[in-house]
Amino acid sequence: MNLRRALSIAVCLMPFGIAPAAAQFPPAPQQAPPCVQEFSRLRDDAAKKAAAIRAASARKASAPEACKLFNTFSAAEEKMVKYAEANSVWCGIPPQIITQIKQQHTKTAEIRTRVCQAAAAPPRPAGPTLSDSLGAPITDSKNIKTGRGTFDTLTGTPLGSK
C-alpha cells in the first residue's frame, strides 16, 4: 500500500475513535472528578499526536518519520484504552465507548504496521527515466555501418549475387 494512502486513511479515521469518548464528558461549570480529568488529559494527548500525523501527511513526510509519529500516537491511544478499561466503573465510562476506542486502536495498529513496513523496506531501484530512454545515440553518416547482409540492396540483389 502506498505510504501517502495509508497516511490519508489514518488521518481520516483518527477523529472517530476520540470524538465519541469526548462526547461522554461535556464541560461542566464545576470541577470534573479526577478520573474524568485524567481521561481528558489522555484523550487530549492522543489528539495532539493525531494532529502531528495530520500535519506530517499534509507536508508529505518521509516514511521513517511517519512510522515514528504512528508509534507515539499508538502508545498514547493504548494508554487511553487501558485507563478506560481499568476505570470504567469508577468513571462511569459506558462499554460502547470502550469498544469504540478499542476498535479505533486496532485500526491505528494496522495502519502503523503498514507504514512502518514501508519505512523499513529498502528503497525501490529507479528504472530508466524518460531522458535516459531518449538519450540513445542518434544515427548519422559517421556511425552507420553498411554490411553485406541479405537485405543489403545497394550493392546487389536481396536474393544473392549472380
N, C-alpha and C. Protein backbone atom coordinates (compact mmCIF):
# COMPACT_ATOMS: atom_id res chain seq x y z
N MET A 1 0.85 -1.17 0.00
CA MET A 1 0.00 0.00 0.00
C MET A 1 0.90 1.23 0.00
N ASN A 2 0.48 2.20 -0.69
CA ASN A 2 1.22 3.44 -0.81
C ASN A 2 1.24 4.15 0.54
N LEU A 3 2.40 4.72 0.89
CA LEU A 3 2.54 5.40 2.18
C LEU A 3 1.58 6.57 2.30
N ARG A 4 1.45 7.36 1.23
CA ARG A 4 0.54 8.51 1.28
C ARG A 4 -0.89 8.05 1.50
N ARG A 5 -1.26 6.95 0.86
CA ARG A 5 -2.62 6.45 1.00
C ARG A 5 -2.87 5.98 2.43
N ALA A 6 -1.89 5.29 3.00
CA ALA A 6 -2.03 4.82 4.38
C ALA A 6 -2.14 6.00 5.34
N LEU A 7 -1.32 7.03 5.12
CA LEU A 7 -1.40 8.20 5.98
C LEU A 7 -2.75 8.89 5.86
N SER A 8 -3.24 9.02 4.63
CA SER A 8 -4.53 9.70 4.47
C SER A 8 -5.67 8.91 5.09
N ILE A 9 -5.62 7.59 5.00
CA ILE A 9 -6.64 6.76 5.64
C ILE A 9 -6.58 6.92 7.15
N ALA A 10 -5.36 6.92 7.67
CA ALA A 10 -5.19 7.05 9.12
C ALA A 10 -5.69 8.40 9.61
N VAL A 11 -5.38 9.43 8.87
CA VAL A 11 -5.81 10.77 9.26
C VAL A 11 -7.33 10.87 9.27
N CYS A 12 -7.96 10.23 8.30
CA CYS A 12 -9.42 10.27 8.23
C CYS A 12 -10.08 9.48 9.36
N LEU A 13 -9.44 8.39 9.80
CA LEU A 13 -10.06 7.53 10.80
C LEU A 13 -9.81 7.96 12.24
N MET A 14 -8.76 8.73 12.49
CA MET A 14 -8.39 9.08 13.86
C MET A 14 -9.48 9.82 14.63
N PRO A 15 -10.14 10.81 14.09
CA PRO A 15 -11.12 11.54 14.90
C PRO A 15 -12.30 10.70 15.36
N PHE A 16 -12.61 9.61 14.66
CA PHE A 16 -13.78 8.82 15.02
C PHE A 16 -13.60 8.08 16.33
N GLY A 17 -12.39 7.68 16.66
CA GLY A 17 -12.16 6.98 17.91
C GLY A 17 -12.12 7.90 19.11
N ILE A 18 -11.70 9.13 18.90
CA ILE A 18 -11.52 10.05 20.01
C ILE A 18 -12.80 10.84 20.29
N ALA A 19 -13.53 11.20 19.24
CA ALA A 19 -14.70 12.06 19.40
C ALA A 19 -15.80 11.46 20.27
N PRO A 20 -16.17 10.17 20.10
CA PRO A 20 -17.23 9.62 20.95
C PRO A 20 -16.87 9.65 22.44
N ALA A 21 -15.59 9.44 22.74
CA ALA A 21 -15.19 9.48 24.13
C ALA A 21 -15.30 10.89 24.68
N ALA A 22 -15.02 11.87 23.85
CA ALA A 22 -15.11 13.26 24.29
C ALA A 22 -16.56 13.66 24.54
N ALA A 23 -17.48 13.07 23.80
CA ALA A 23 -18.89 13.41 23.95
C ALA A 23 -19.45 12.94 25.29
N GLN A 24 -18.82 11.98 25.92
CA GLN A 24 -19.31 11.45 27.19
C GLN A 24 -19.03 12.39 28.35
N PHE A 25 -18.08 13.30 28.18
CA PHE A 25 -17.67 14.17 29.26
C PHE A 25 -17.79 15.63 28.84
N PRO A 26 -19.03 16.15 28.75
CA PRO A 26 -19.18 17.55 28.38
C PRO A 26 -18.64 18.44 29.50
N PRO A 27 -18.15 19.63 29.15
CA PRO A 27 -17.62 20.52 30.21
C PRO A 27 -18.71 20.96 31.17
N ALA A 28 -18.41 20.90 32.42
CA ALA A 28 -19.37 21.28 33.45
C ALA A 28 -18.85 22.53 34.16
N PRO A 29 -19.75 23.34 34.70
CA PRO A 29 -19.30 24.54 35.38
C PRO A 29 -18.47 24.23 36.63
N GLN A 30 -18.75 23.10 37.26
CA GLN A 30 -17.99 22.73 38.42
C GLN A 30 -16.82 21.84 38.00
N GLN A 31 -15.89 21.63 38.91
CA GLN A 31 -14.70 20.85 38.58
C GLN A 31 -15.07 19.39 38.38
N ALA A 32 -14.51 18.81 37.32
CA ALA A 32 -14.79 17.41 37.00
C ALA A 32 -14.06 16.50 37.97
N PRO A 33 -14.58 15.29 38.16
CA PRO A 33 -13.91 14.32 39.03
C PRO A 33 -12.51 14.00 38.51
N PRO A 34 -11.61 13.55 39.37
CA PRO A 34 -10.24 13.28 38.96
C PRO A 34 -10.13 12.25 37.83
N CYS A 35 -11.00 11.25 37.82
CA CYS A 35 -10.92 10.24 36.76
C CYS A 35 -11.24 10.85 35.41
N VAL A 36 -12.19 11.77 35.37
CA VAL A 36 -12.57 12.43 34.13
C VAL A 36 -11.44 13.35 33.67
N GLN A 37 -10.81 14.02 34.61
CA GLN A 37 -9.68 14.89 34.27
C GLN A 37 -8.53 14.08 33.66
N GLU A 38 -8.25 12.94 34.26
CA GLU A 38 -7.16 12.11 33.75
C GLU A 38 -7.50 11.55 32.37
N PHE A 39 -8.73 11.09 32.20
CA PHE A 39 -9.14 10.58 30.89
C PHE A 39 -9.08 11.70 29.84
N SER A 40 -9.51 12.89 30.20
CA SER A 40 -9.45 14.03 29.29
C SER A 40 -8.01 14.37 28.92
N ARG A 41 -7.12 14.28 29.89
CA ARG A 41 -5.70 14.54 29.62
C ARG A 41 -5.15 13.52 28.63
N LEU A 42 -5.48 12.25 28.84
CA LEU A 42 -5.02 11.20 27.92
C LEU A 42 -5.62 11.38 26.53
N ARG A 43 -6.90 11.74 26.48
CA ARG A 43 -7.56 11.98 25.19
C ARG A 43 -6.93 13.16 24.46
N ASP A 44 -6.64 14.25 25.19
CA ASP A 44 -6.02 15.42 24.57
C ASP A 44 -4.61 15.10 24.07
N ASP A 45 -3.88 14.28 24.83
CA ASP A 45 -2.55 13.87 24.39
C ASP A 45 -2.62 13.08 23.09
N ALA A 46 -3.58 12.16 23.01
CA ALA A 46 -3.76 11.38 21.77
C ALA A 46 -4.19 12.29 20.62
N ALA A 47 -5.02 13.27 20.90
CA ALA A 47 -5.47 14.19 19.86
C ALA A 47 -4.30 15.04 19.33
N LYS A 48 -3.39 15.45 20.21
CA LYS A 48 -2.21 16.21 19.77
C LYS A 48 -1.33 15.36 18.86
N LYS A 49 -1.18 14.11 19.22
CA LYS A 49 -0.35 13.22 18.40
C LYS A 49 -1.02 12.92 17.06
N ALA A 50 -2.35 12.85 17.06
CA ALA A 50 -3.08 12.68 15.80
C ALA A 50 -2.92 13.91 14.92
N ALA A 51 -2.92 15.09 15.53
CA ALA A 51 -2.72 16.32 14.77
C ALA A 51 -1.32 16.36 14.16
N ALA A 52 -0.34 15.82 14.88
CA ALA A 52 1.03 15.76 14.34
C ALA A 52 1.08 14.85 13.11
N ILE A 53 0.32 13.77 13.13
CA ILE A 53 0.27 12.87 11.97
C ILE A 53 -0.41 13.58 10.80
N ARG A 54 -1.49 14.31 11.08
CA ARG A 54 -2.17 15.06 10.01
C ARG A 54 -1.22 16.08 9.37
N ALA A 55 -0.46 16.79 10.21
CA ALA A 55 0.48 17.78 9.70
C ALA A 55 1.58 17.12 8.86
N ALA A 56 2.06 15.97 9.31
CA ALA A 56 3.09 15.26 8.56
C ALA A 56 2.53 14.75 7.23
N SER A 57 1.29 14.33 7.24
CA SER A 57 0.66 13.87 6.00
C SER A 57 0.50 15.02 5.02
N ALA A 58 0.15 16.19 5.53
CA ALA A 58 -0.04 17.36 4.66
C ALA A 58 1.26 17.80 4.01
N ARG A 59 2.37 17.66 4.72
CA ARG A 59 3.65 18.06 4.14
C ARG A 59 4.41 16.88 3.52
N LYS A 60 3.74 15.74 3.43
CA LYS A 60 4.29 14.54 2.79
C LYS A 60 5.62 14.13 3.44
N ALA A 61 5.54 13.80 4.70
CA ALA A 61 6.71 13.41 5.47
C ALA A 61 7.27 12.08 4.98
N SER A 62 8.51 11.81 5.34
CA SER A 62 9.15 10.56 4.95
C SER A 62 8.54 9.39 5.72
N ALA A 63 8.73 8.20 5.20
CA ALA A 63 8.17 7.00 5.83
C ALA A 63 8.72 6.77 7.24
N PRO A 64 10.04 6.92 7.48
CA PRO A 64 10.52 6.73 8.86
C PRO A 64 9.93 7.72 9.85
N GLU A 65 9.75 8.97 9.42
CA GLU A 65 9.15 9.97 10.31
C GLU A 65 7.70 9.61 10.59
N ALA A 66 6.96 9.17 9.56
CA ALA A 66 5.57 8.78 9.75
C ALA A 66 5.47 7.58 10.69
N CYS A 67 6.39 6.65 10.56
CA CYS A 67 6.40 5.47 11.44
C CYS A 67 6.59 5.90 12.90
N LYS A 68 7.52 6.82 13.12
CA LYS A 68 7.77 7.31 14.48
C LYS A 68 6.52 8.00 15.05
N LEU A 69 5.87 8.82 14.23
CA LEU A 69 4.67 9.52 14.69
C LEU A 69 3.54 8.53 15.00
N PHE A 70 3.39 7.50 14.16
CA PHE A 70 2.36 6.50 14.42
C PHE A 70 2.65 5.70 15.68
N ASN A 71 3.92 5.42 15.95
CA ASN A 71 4.27 4.69 17.17
C ASN A 71 3.91 5.50 18.41
N THR A 72 4.20 6.82 18.39
CA THR A 72 3.86 7.64 19.56
C THR A 72 2.34 7.78 19.71
N PHE A 73 1.63 7.92 18.57
CA PHE A 73 0.17 8.03 18.65
C PHE A 73 -0.43 6.72 19.16
N SER A 74 0.06 5.60 18.67
CA SER A 74 -0.47 4.31 19.10
C SER A 74 -0.24 4.09 20.59
N ALA A 75 0.93 4.52 21.09
CA ALA A 75 1.21 4.38 22.52
C ALA A 75 0.26 5.24 23.35
N ALA A 76 0.00 6.46 22.88
CA ALA A 76 -0.93 7.35 23.60
C ALA A 76 -2.34 6.76 23.59
N GLU A 77 -2.73 6.20 22.45
CA GLU A 77 -4.06 5.59 22.35
C GLU A 77 -4.15 4.36 23.26
N GLU A 78 -3.08 3.61 23.33
CA GLU A 78 -3.04 2.41 24.19
C GLU A 78 -3.22 2.80 25.66
N LYS A 79 -2.56 3.90 26.08
CA LYS A 79 -2.73 4.38 27.46
C LYS A 79 -4.18 4.74 27.72
N MET A 80 -4.81 5.39 26.74
CA MET A 80 -6.20 5.80 26.90
C MET A 80 -7.10 4.57 27.01
N VAL A 81 -6.85 3.53 26.22
CA VAL A 81 -7.65 2.30 26.26
C VAL A 81 -7.49 1.62 27.62
N LYS A 82 -6.26 1.50 28.08
CA LYS A 82 -6.02 0.84 29.36
C LYS A 82 -6.67 1.60 30.52
N TYR A 83 -6.57 2.92 30.49
CA TYR A 83 -7.18 3.72 31.54
C TYR A 83 -8.69 3.57 31.51
N ALA A 84 -9.27 3.61 30.33
CA ALA A 84 -10.73 3.49 30.22
C ALA A 84 -11.20 2.13 30.71
N GLU A 85 -10.46 1.08 30.38
CA GLU A 85 -10.85 -0.26 30.83
C GLU A 85 -10.72 -0.39 32.36
N ALA A 86 -9.62 0.12 32.89
CA ALA A 86 -9.37 -0.03 34.33
C ALA A 86 -10.33 0.80 35.17
N ASN A 87 -10.77 1.94 34.66
CA ASN A 87 -11.58 2.86 35.45
C ASN A 87 -12.99 3.04 34.90
N SER A 88 -13.47 2.10 34.14
CA SER A 88 -14.78 2.26 33.51
C SER A 88 -15.91 2.35 34.54
N VAL A 89 -15.86 1.57 35.58
CA VAL A 89 -16.92 1.58 36.59
C VAL A 89 -16.83 2.86 37.43
N TRP A 90 -15.64 3.18 37.89
CA TRP A 90 -15.43 4.33 38.75
C TRP A 90 -15.74 5.65 38.04
N CYS A 91 -15.34 5.74 36.75
CA CYS A 91 -15.56 6.98 35.98
C CYS A 91 -16.92 6.99 35.28
N GLY A 92 -17.56 5.85 35.20
CA GLY A 92 -18.84 5.78 34.52
C GLY A 92 -18.70 5.82 33.00
N ILE A 93 -17.65 5.21 32.47
CA ILE A 93 -17.44 5.17 31.02
C ILE A 93 -18.27 4.00 30.48
N PRO A 94 -19.18 4.27 29.56
CA PRO A 94 -20.03 3.20 29.01
C PRO A 94 -19.21 2.18 28.22
N PRO A 95 -19.65 0.92 28.22
CA PRO A 95 -18.92 -0.12 27.49
C PRO A 95 -18.83 0.15 25.99
N GLN A 96 -19.84 0.85 25.43
CA GLN A 96 -19.80 1.15 23.99
C GLN A 96 -18.61 2.05 23.66
N ILE A 97 -18.32 2.98 24.53
CA ILE A 97 -17.20 3.90 24.30
C ILE A 97 -15.88 3.13 24.33
N ILE A 98 -15.76 2.23 25.30
CA ILE A 98 -14.53 1.43 25.39
C ILE A 98 -14.38 0.57 24.14
N THR A 99 -15.49 -0.01 23.66
CA THR A 99 -15.45 -0.81 22.43
C THR A 99 -15.03 0.04 21.25
N GLN A 100 -15.56 1.26 21.14
CA GLN A 100 -15.18 2.14 20.02
C GLN A 100 -13.71 2.52 20.09
N ILE A 101 -13.22 2.81 21.28
CA ILE A 101 -11.81 3.18 21.44
C ILE A 101 -10.92 2.00 21.06
N LYS A 102 -11.30 0.80 21.47
CA LYS A 102 -10.53 -0.40 21.13
C LYS A 102 -10.51 -0.64 19.62
N GLN A 103 -11.67 -0.49 18.98
CA GLN A 103 -11.73 -0.67 17.52
C GLN A 103 -10.84 0.35 16.81
N GLN A 104 -10.89 1.59 17.26
CA GLN A 104 -10.05 2.63 16.67
C GLN A 104 -8.57 2.30 16.88
N HIS A 105 -8.23 1.81 18.05
CA HIS A 105 -6.83 1.46 18.33
C HIS A 105 -6.39 0.29 17.45
N THR A 106 -7.27 -0.65 17.19
CA THR A 106 -6.94 -1.77 16.30
C THR A 106 -6.65 -1.25 14.89
N LYS A 107 -7.47 -0.32 14.40
CA LYS A 107 -7.24 0.26 13.07
C LYS A 107 -5.92 1.03 13.04
N THR A 108 -5.65 1.77 14.11
CA THR A 108 -4.40 2.51 14.18
C THR A 108 -3.21 1.56 14.15
N ALA A 109 -3.30 0.45 14.88
CA ALA A 109 -2.22 -0.52 14.91
C ALA A 109 -1.98 -1.13 13.53
N GLU A 110 -3.06 -1.41 12.79
CA GLU A 110 -2.92 -1.96 11.44
C GLU A 110 -2.22 -0.96 10.52
N ILE A 111 -2.64 0.28 10.58
CA ILE A 111 -2.05 1.31 9.72
C ILE A 111 -0.59 1.54 10.12
N ARG A 112 -0.33 1.56 11.43
CA ARG A 112 1.04 1.74 11.91
C ARG A 112 1.94 0.62 11.38
N THR A 113 1.43 -0.60 11.39
CA THR A 113 2.21 -1.73 10.88
C THR A 113 2.55 -1.53 9.41
N ARG A 114 1.57 -1.12 8.61
CA ARG A 114 1.82 -0.91 7.18
C ARG A 114 2.81 0.23 6.93
N VAL A 115 2.64 1.31 7.68
CA VAL A 115 3.53 2.46 7.49
C VAL A 115 4.96 2.09 7.89
N CYS A 116 5.10 1.39 9.00
CA CYS A 116 6.44 1.02 9.46
C CYS A 116 7.08 -0.03 8.55
N GLN A 117 6.28 -0.90 7.95
CA GLN A 117 6.83 -1.84 6.97
C GLN A 117 7.33 -1.10 5.75
N ALA A 118 6.59 -0.08 5.32
CA ALA A 118 7.03 0.73 4.18
C ALA A 118 8.31 1.49 4.53
N ALA A 119 8.44 1.92 5.78
CA ALA A 119 9.64 2.64 6.20
C ALA A 119 10.85 1.72 6.28
N ALA A 120 10.61 0.46 6.67
CA ALA A 120 11.71 -0.49 6.82
C ALA A 120 12.15 -1.10 5.49
N ALA A 121 11.29 -1.06 4.50
CA ALA A 121 11.61 -1.67 3.21
C ALA A 121 12.72 -0.87 2.53
N PRO A 122 13.60 -1.58 1.82
CA PRO A 122 14.65 -0.86 1.09
C PRO A 122 14.03 -0.04 -0.03
N PRO A 123 14.66 1.07 -0.38
CA PRO A 123 14.10 1.88 -1.47
C PRO A 123 14.10 1.11 -2.78
N ARG A 124 13.06 1.33 -3.54
CA ARG A 124 12.95 0.64 -4.82
C ARG A 124 13.96 1.19 -5.80
N PRO A 125 14.57 0.32 -6.59
CA PRO A 125 15.51 0.84 -7.59
C PRO A 125 14.76 1.62 -8.66
N ALA A 126 15.33 2.73 -9.01
CA ALA A 126 14.69 3.58 -10.01
C ALA A 126 14.96 3.01 -11.40
N GLY A 127 13.93 2.92 -12.19
CA GLY A 127 14.08 2.45 -13.56
C GLY A 127 14.61 3.57 -14.43
N PRO A 128 14.79 3.27 -15.70
CA PRO A 128 15.28 4.33 -16.59
C PRO A 128 14.25 5.45 -16.70
N THR A 129 14.73 6.66 -16.73
CA THR A 129 13.85 7.80 -16.86
C THR A 129 13.59 8.07 -18.33
N LEU A 130 12.70 8.98 -18.61
CA LEU A 130 12.39 9.34 -19.98
C LEU A 130 13.63 9.93 -20.67
N SER A 131 14.38 10.73 -19.94
CA SER A 131 15.58 11.31 -20.55
C SER A 131 16.62 10.24 -20.84
N ASP A 132 16.69 9.19 -20.00
CA ASP A 132 17.60 8.08 -20.30
C ASP A 132 17.16 7.37 -21.58
N SER A 133 15.86 7.18 -21.73
CA SER A 133 15.36 6.49 -22.91
C SER A 133 15.56 7.33 -24.16
N LEU A 134 15.37 8.62 -24.04
CA LEU A 134 15.53 9.50 -25.20
C LEU A 134 16.98 9.85 -25.47
N GLY A 135 17.87 9.51 -24.59
CA GLY A 135 19.28 9.85 -24.74
C GLY A 135 20.06 8.82 -25.54
N ALA A 136 19.39 7.97 -26.28
CA ALA A 136 20.07 6.97 -27.10
C ALA A 136 20.83 7.68 -28.23
N PRO A 137 21.88 7.03 -28.73
CA PRO A 137 22.67 7.68 -29.78
C PRO A 137 21.82 7.93 -31.04
N ILE A 138 22.09 9.03 -31.69
CA ILE A 138 21.38 9.40 -32.91
C ILE A 138 22.23 8.95 -34.09
N THR A 139 21.59 8.30 -35.02
CA THR A 139 22.35 7.81 -36.18
C THR A 139 22.62 8.95 -37.15
N ASP A 140 23.82 8.93 -37.68
CA ASP A 140 24.20 9.86 -38.73
C ASP A 140 25.18 9.15 -39.65
N SER A 141 25.75 9.86 -40.58
CA SER A 141 26.61 9.21 -41.57
C SER A 141 27.89 8.65 -40.96
N LYS A 142 28.30 9.08 -39.81
CA LYS A 142 29.54 8.62 -39.18
C LYS A 142 29.38 7.31 -38.43
N ASN A 143 28.19 7.01 -37.94
CA ASN A 143 28.04 5.80 -37.15
C ASN A 143 27.15 4.75 -37.81
N ILE A 144 26.92 4.86 -39.11
CA ILE A 144 26.18 3.84 -39.85
C ILE A 144 27.17 2.88 -40.49
N LYS A 145 26.95 1.61 -40.29
CA LYS A 145 27.82 0.61 -40.89
C LYS A 145 27.03 -0.12 -41.97
N THR A 146 27.59 -0.18 -43.11
CA THR A 146 26.93 -0.94 -44.17
C THR A 146 27.52 -2.33 -44.17
N GLY A 147 26.68 -3.30 -44.25
CA GLY A 147 27.15 -4.67 -44.24
C GLY A 147 26.82 -5.35 -45.55
N ARG A 148 27.22 -6.54 -45.66
CA ARG A 148 26.93 -7.35 -46.83
C ARG A 148 25.92 -8.42 -46.45
N GLY A 149 24.81 -8.00 -45.88
CA GLY A 149 23.80 -8.93 -45.43
C GLY A 149 22.79 -9.24 -46.50
N THR A 150 21.80 -10.01 -46.13
CA THR A 150 20.76 -10.45 -47.05
C THR A 150 19.96 -9.29 -47.61
N PHE A 151 19.71 -8.30 -46.84
CA PHE A 151 18.85 -7.21 -47.27
C PHE A 151 19.64 -5.98 -47.73
N ASP A 152 20.91 -6.12 -48.00
CA ASP A 152 21.71 -5.02 -48.50
C ASP A 152 21.49 -4.90 -50.01
N THR A 153 20.54 -4.10 -50.41
CA THR A 153 20.17 -4.00 -51.83
C THR A 153 20.92 -2.91 -52.56
N LEU A 154 21.75 -2.17 -51.89
CA LEU A 154 22.50 -1.11 -52.55
C LEU A 154 23.62 -1.66 -53.43
N THR A 155 24.12 -2.80 -53.07
CA THR A 155 25.24 -3.37 -53.83
C THR A 155 24.89 -4.63 -54.58
N GLY A 156 23.68 -5.07 -54.46
CA GLY A 156 23.33 -6.30 -55.16
C GLY A 156 21.87 -6.60 -55.01
N THR A 157 21.48 -7.84 -55.25
CA THR A 157 20.08 -8.25 -55.12
C THR A 157 19.88 -8.88 -53.75
N PRO A 158 18.68 -8.83 -53.23
CA PRO A 158 18.43 -9.42 -51.93
C PRO A 158 18.44 -10.94 -51.97
N LEU A 159 18.42 -11.53 -53.14
CA LEU A 159 18.38 -12.97 -53.24
C LEU A 159 19.75 -13.61 -53.38
N GLY A 160 20.76 -12.82 -53.46
CA GLY A 160 22.10 -13.34 -53.58
C GLY A 160 22.78 -12.76 -54.80
N SER A 161 24.02 -13.02 -54.96
CA SER A 161 24.75 -12.46 -56.09
C SER A 161 24.71 -13.38 -57.29
N LYS A 162 24.81 -12.79 -58.53
CA LYS A 162 24.77 -13.61 -59.75
C LYS A 162 26.07 -13.58 -60.44
